[in-house]
Amino acid sequence: MEFYKELGMVPLQEWKLCLGSDDHPHAPHIMEPSLEDSQEDMDALKCCCTNMRLPRIFRRDCERCCARCPTCNKQRKKVMSFHFISLIGQLQLLCKSETMCWDFLRMWRARDRWLNKSPSTQPEFINEFWDGEKT
């Protein structure tokens, strides 16, 4: 994550996907990123149960306080996670640079080579990733 951040990429987001259990599967339910998954402000993520023993545990580990799948009630930490990079966020970040915008628009400037043509018709040579059938 630090490597990507140094390259100027937008941060990865950790989403969750719950499909239920083997015995009781359900339709996919996607859970947005949550503070429970964060590794930052750890004190804010501690459980606030009144009868909690000391030291306090994290909210994600508390049976009463943790987030759960609304369909099957499975704890968030036991649900499959996947990482997502926002393409829109990345493009917004890259388009702050006039040079990058000019490079991105190279595909559009060459639109006569690919616009309204079938995918089987390829230009003789694809100069850029953002050109022709690859897009």
Protein backbone atom coordinates (compact mmCIF):
# COMPACT_ATOMS: atom_id res chain seq x y z
CA MET A 1 0.00 0.00 0.00
CA GLU A 2 2.88 2.36 0.82
CA PHE A 3 4.48 1.52 -2.54
CA TYR A 4 1.31 2.47 -4.42
CA LYS A 5 0.91 5.60 -2.32
CA GLU A 6 4.47 6.68 -3.20
CA LEU A 7 3.61 6.21 -6.88
CA GLY A 8 0.72 8.63 -6.45
CA MET A 9 -2.12 6.10 -6.65
CA VAL A 10 -5.38 6.50 -4.82
CA PRO A 11 -5.60 4.36 -1.67
CA LEU A 12 -6.95 0.83 -1.85
CA GLN A 13 -10.30 0.23 -0.20
CA GLU A 14 -11.12 -2.99 1.61
CA TRP A 15 -14.66 -4.16 0.85
CA LYS A 16 -16.36 -7.32 2.11
CA LEU A 17 -18.46 -9.87 0.24
CA CYS A 18 -20.75 -12.20 2.14
CA LEU A 19 -22.23 -15.28 0.48
CA GLY A 20 -23.55 -16.87 3.67
CA SER A 21 -22.27 -20.26 4.80
CA ASP A 22 -21.95 -23.63 3.10
CA ASP A 23 -25.14 -24.78 4.84
CA HIS A 24 -27.10 -21.57 4.24
CA PRO A 25 -25.83 -19.66 1.21
CA HIS A 26 -27.51 -16.42 0.19
CA ALA A 27 -27.31 -13.88 -2.62
CA PRO A 28 -24.06 -11.89 -2.54
CA HIS A 29 -24.10 -8.97 -0.13
CA ILE A 30 -21.39 -6.33 -0.51
CA MET A 31 -20.32 -4.40 2.56
CA GLU A 32 -18.62 -1.02 2.12
CA PRO A 33 -15.30 -0.18 3.77
CA SER A 34 -15.58 0.24 7.52
CA LEU A 35 -13.52 1.62 10.37
CA GLU A 36 -13.57 -1.91 11.81
CA ASP A 37 -11.10 -2.91 9.09
CA SER A 38 -8.85 0.09 9.71
CA GLN A 39 -5.45 -0.19 11.29
CA GLU A 40 -5.29 3.49 12.17
CA ASP A 41 -7.00 5.15 15.19
CA MET A 42 -7.03 1.94 17.28
CA ASP A 43 -8.45 3.55 20.44
CA ALA A 44 -11.55 4.67 18.55
CA LEU A 45 -12.08 1.06 17.44
CA LYS A 46 -12.15 -0.40 20.95
CA CYS A 47 -15.33 -1.98 22.25
CA CYS A 48 -17.38 0.22 24.57
CA CYS A 49 -19.45 -2.49 26.28
CA THR A 50 -20.05 -1.51 29.92
CA ASN A 51 -19.25 -4.95 31.30
CA MET A 52 -16.13 -5.42 29.18
CA ARG A 53 -13.06 -6.67 31.01
CA LEU A 54 -9.83 -4.72 30.79
CA PRO A 55 -7.95 -4.39 28.56
CA ARG A 56 -10.75 -3.59 26.14
CA ILE A 57 -10.90 -5.58 22.90
CA PHE A 58 -11.54 -4.24 19.44
CA ARG A 59 -15.13 -3.75 18.34
CA ARG A 60 -14.61 -6.24 15.47
CA ASP A 61 -13.80 -8.96 18.05
CA CYS A 62 -16.77 -8.25 20.34
CA GLU A 63 -19.77 -10.52 19.77
CA ARG A 64 -22.22 -7.73 20.65
CA CYS A 65 -20.57 -4.68 19.03
CA CYS A 66 -19.16 -5.98 15.75
CA ALA A 67 -20.68 -5.21 12.36
CA ARG A 68 -22.56 -8.10 10.77
CA CYS A 69 -23.97 -9.14 7.43
CA PRO A 70 -27.62 -8.00 7.43
CA THR A 71 -28.67 -11.15 5.56
CA CYS A 72 -27.06 -13.96 7.58
CA ASN A 73 -25.73 -12.13 10.67
CA LYS A 74 -22.16 -13.36 10.09
CA GLN A 75 -19.46 -11.23 11.75
CA ARG A 76 -17.82 -8.77 9.39
CA LYS A 77 -14.32 -10.05 10.20
CA LYS A 78 -15.35 -13.58 9.07
CA VAL A 79 -16.61 -12.37 5.69
CA MET A 80 -14.44 -12.60 2.55
CA SER A 81 -12.59 -9.37 1.84
CA PHE A 82 -11.40 -7.91 -1.45
CA HIS A 83 -9.47 -4.79 -2.34
CA PHE A 84 -10.77 -2.17 -4.72
CA ILE A 85 -9.03 0.74 -6.40
CA SER A 86 -11.41 3.44 -7.59
CA LEU A 87 -10.82 3.94 -11.30
CA ILE A 88 -12.70 7.25 -11.18
CA GLY A 89 -10.59 8.43 -8.25
CA GLN A 90 -7.40 7.41 -10.03
CA LEU A 91 -8.41 9.18 -13.24
CA GLN A 92 -9.35 12.33 -11.30
CA LEU A 93 -5.95 12.24 -9.64
CA LEU A 94 -4.10 11.70 -12.93
CA CYS A 95 -6.10 14.37 -14.76
CA LYS A 96 -4.79 17.04 -12.41
CA SER A 97 -1.69 16.89 -14.60
CA GLU A 98 -1.98 18.61 -17.98
CA THR A 99 0.64 16.24 -19.42
CA MET A 100 -1.33 13.16 -18.31
CA CYS A 101 -4.57 14.59 -19.75
CA TRP A 102 -2.82 15.16 -23.08
CA ASP A 103 -1.58 11.55 -23.05
CA PHE A 104 -5.03 10.18 -22.20
CA LEU A 105 -6.62 12.18 -24.98
CA ARG A 106 -4.22 10.67 -27.52
CA MET A 107 -6.70 7.82 -27.88
CA TRP A 108 -9.50 10.27 -28.63
CA ARG A 109 -7.38 12.21 -31.09
CA ALA A 110 -6.85 8.92 -33.00
CA ARG A 111 -10.56 8.02 -32.88
CA ASP A 112 -10.86 7.73 -36.67
CA ARG A 113 -8.78 4.52 -36.36
CA TRP A 114 -11.24 2.76 -34.01
CA LEU A 115 -14.53 4.68 -33.51
CA ASN A 116 -17.59 2.90 -34.98
CA LYS A 117 -15.48 -0.03 -36.19
CA SER A 118 -15.93 -3.63 -35.16
CA PRO A 119 -13.52 -5.06 -32.56
CA SER A 120 -12.23 -7.49 -35.18
CA THR A 121 -10.90 -4.53 -37.18
CA GLN A 122 -7.61 -3.64 -35.58
CA PRO A 123 -5.42 -0.70 -36.37
CA GLU A 124 -2.13 -1.77 -37.91
CA PHE A 125 -0.24 -0.86 -34.78
CA ILE A 126 -1.49 0.04 -31.31
CA ASN A 127 0.78 2.78 -30.02
CA GLU A 128 -0.63 3.20 -26.54
CA PHE A 129 -2.50 1.14 -24.00
CA TRP A 130 -5.30 3.73 -24.16
CA ASP A 131 -5.81 3.08 -27.86
CA GLY A 132 -8.17 0.96 -29.90
CA GLU A 133 -9.33 -2.52 -28.90
CA LYS A 134 -7.30 -2.65 -25.68
CA THR A 135 -9.51 0.08 -24.19
